[in-house]
Each structure stands twice: as C-alpha cells, then as structure tokens.
Amino acid sequence: MIEQELLNRISLDPKVMVGKPTIKGTRLTVEYILNLLAHGATVAEILEEYEGLVEADIRACLLFASRPLDVKMV
C-alpha cells in the first residue's frame, strides 16, 4: 500500500474528537493507538479488541505520526 493510501485512512474533522486525527470512520485517535502500542499492545491485540480495524489502520497511524519527524536538518 502506498503512503498516500495509508494517510487517507486518517481523518481530521473538528466535529470528531475535538479535531484530533482519527482512524476514518471511527472515534479512535492516532494518539490512542500509538499509546496502546507504546504500552506493549500488539497489533493483533488491538485488532482483536476493536472490531472493524485492519492492520493498515495501525500502519496509517504510525505513518501519520512519523510525518512531523521527517524534516531534513540543514
């Protein structure tokens, strides 16, 4: 899956979760998914807990979060 396809899985809507980036069609924020991963949850555990999510949703969260870090130092 190309990067833009992954990023299209993330939604920014001021009416949903106060405008935080969420997985499209859900109220699950990128921040929440990253927090689960940081605290040791596996992708399989997250997918099992949140019916309807797919692995690409988790990868989209990781890619979205990495974007601000992709700044070239001069």
C-alpha atoms as a PDB file:
ATOM      1  CA  MET A   1       0.000   0.000   0.000  1.00  0.00           C
ATOM      2  CA  ILE A   2       1.451   3.367  -0.950  1.00  0.00           C
ATOM      3  CA  GLU A   3       1.886   6.115   1.630  1.00  0.00           C
ATOM      4  CA  GLN A   4      -0.969   8.297   0.398  1.00  0.00           C
ATOM      5  CA  GLU A   5      -3.385   5.366   0.574  1.00  0.00           C
ATOM      6  CA  LEU A   6      -2.360   4.822   4.189  1.00  0.00           C
ATOM      7  CA  LEU A   7      -2.652   8.510   5.045  1.00  0.00           C
ATOM      8  CA  ASN A   8      -6.144   8.575   3.501  1.00  0.00           C
ATOM      9  CA  ARG A   9      -7.196   6.242   6.332  1.00  0.00           C
ATOM     10  CA  ILE A  10      -6.689   9.131   8.790  1.00  0.00           C
ATOM     11  CA  SER A  11      -9.329  11.810   9.195  1.00  0.00           C
ATOM     12  CA  LEU A  12      -9.154  15.320  10.643  1.00  0.00           C
ATOM     13  CA  ASP A  13     -12.616  16.612  11.483  1.00  0.00           C
ATOM     14  CA  PRO A  14     -13.197  19.342  14.068  1.00  0.00           C
ATOM     15  CA  LYS A  15     -16.547  17.692  14.902  1.00  0.00           C
ATOM     16  CA  VAL A  16     -14.943  14.350  15.817  1.00  0.00           C
ATOM     17  CA  MET A  17     -12.771  14.016  18.924  1.00  0.00           C
ATOM     18  CA  VAL A  18     -12.151  17.783  19.025  1.00  0.00           C
ATOM     19  CA  GLY A  19     -10.365  17.636  15.671  1.00  0.00           C
ATOM     20  CA  LYS A  20      -7.703  15.154  16.709  1.00  0.00           C
ATOM     21  CA  PRO A  21      -6.571  12.842  13.903  1.00  0.00           C
ATOM     22  CA  THR A  22      -8.658   9.666  13.964  1.00  0.00           C
ATOM     23  CA  ILE A  23      -8.899   6.476  12.004  1.00  0.00           C
ATOM     24  CA  LYS A  24     -11.513   7.274   9.372  1.00  0.00           C
ATOM     25  CA  GLY A  25     -14.973   6.083  10.319  1.00  0.00           C
ATOM     26  CA  THR A  26     -14.082   5.655  13.992  1.00  0.00           C
ATOM     27  CA  ARG A  27     -13.551   7.732  17.096  1.00  0.00           C
ATOM     28  CA  LEU A  28     -10.173   6.078  17.693  1.00  0.00           C
ATOM     29  CA  THR A  29      -7.453   8.707  17.687  1.00  0.00           C
ATOM     30  CA  VAL A  30      -3.983   8.226  16.286  1.00  0.00           C
ATOM     31  CA  GLU A  31      -2.715   9.252  19.721  1.00  0.00           C
ATOM     32  CA  TYR A  32      -4.719   6.494  21.418  1.00  0.00           C
ATOM     33  CA  ILE A  33      -3.458   3.783  19.052  1.00  0.00           C
ATOM     34  CA  LEU A  34       0.132   4.950  19.472  1.00  0.00           C
ATOM     35  CA  ASN A  35      -0.318   4.925  23.238  1.00  0.00           C
ATOM     36  CA  LEU A  36      -1.575   1.340  23.120  1.00  0.00           C
ATOM     37  CA  LEU A  37       1.477   0.315  21.083  1.00  0.00           C
ATOM     38  CA  ALA A  38       3.839   2.226  23.385  1.00  0.00           C
ATOM     39  CA  HIS A  39       2.438   0.358  26.373  1.00  0.00           C
ATOM     40  CA  GLY A  40       3.083  -3.012  24.792  1.00  0.00           C
ATOM     41  CA  ALA A  41      -0.147  -3.883  22.995  1.00  0.00           C
ATOM     42  CA  THR A  42       0.461  -5.846  19.837  1.00  0.00           C
ATOM     43  CA  VAL A  43      -1.182  -5.083  16.527  1.00  0.00           C
ATOM     44  CA  ALA A  44      -3.049  -8.394  16.825  1.00  0.00           C
ATOM     45  CA  GLU A  45      -4.376  -7.441  20.271  1.00  0.00           C
ATOM     46  CA  ILE A  46      -5.582  -4.054  19.023  1.00  0.00           C
ATOM     47  CA  LEU A  47      -7.286  -5.611  16.005  1.00  0.00           C
ATOM     48  CA  GLU A  48      -8.955  -8.188  18.239  1.00  0.00           C
ATOM     49  CA  GLU A  49     -10.205  -5.511  20.652  1.00  0.00           C
ATOM     50  CA  TYR A  50     -11.509  -3.089  18.008  1.00  0.00           C
ATOM     51  CA  GLU A  51     -13.649  -4.938  15.514  1.00  0.00           C
ATOM     52  CA  GLY A  52     -13.519  -3.450  12.039  1.00  0.00           C
ATOM     53  CA  LEU A  53      -9.947  -2.182  12.277  1.00  0.00           C
ATOM     54  CA  VAL A  54      -7.397  -3.646   9.903  1.00  0.00           C
ATOM     55  CA  GLU A  55      -3.623  -3.728  10.033  1.00  0.00           C
ATOM     56  CA  ALA A  56      -3.428  -0.884   7.507  1.00  0.00           C
ATOM     57  CA  ASP A  57      -5.218   1.366  10.032  1.00  0.00           C
ATOM     58  CA  ILE A  58      -2.455   0.787  12.570  1.00  0.00           C
ATOM     59  CA  ARG A  59       0.245   1.344   9.936  1.00  0.00           C
ATOM     60  CA  ALA A  60      -1.534   4.554   8.904  1.00  0.00           C
ATOM     61  CA  CYS A  61      -1.328   5.811  12.496  1.00  0.00           C
ATOM     62  CA  LEU A  62       2.402   5.101  12.606  1.00  0.00           C
ATOM     63  CA  LEU A  63       2.996   6.793   9.264  1.00  0.00           C
ATOM     64  CA  PHE A  64       0.883   9.820  10.217  1.00  0.00           C
ATOM     65  CA  ALA A  65       2.789  10.215  13.478  1.00  0.00           C
ATOM     66  CA  SER A  66       6.145   9.948  11.725  1.00  0.00           C
ATOM     67  CA  ARG A  67       5.428  12.834   9.347  1.00  0.00           C
ATOM     68  CA  PRO A  68       6.490  15.711  11.634  1.00  0.00           C
ATOM     69  CA  LEU A  69       9.755  13.833  12.239  1.00  0.00           C
ATOM     70  CA  ASP A  70      10.500  13.689   8.511  1.00  0.00           C
ATOM     71  CA  VAL A  71      12.057  17.138   8.475  1.00  0.00           C
ATOM     72  CA  LYS A  72      15.515  17.426   6.943  1.00  0.00           C
ATOM     73  CA  MET A  73      18.106  19.081   9.162  1.00  0.00           C
ATOM     74  CA  VAL A  74      20.181  21.688   7.345  1.00  0.00           C
END
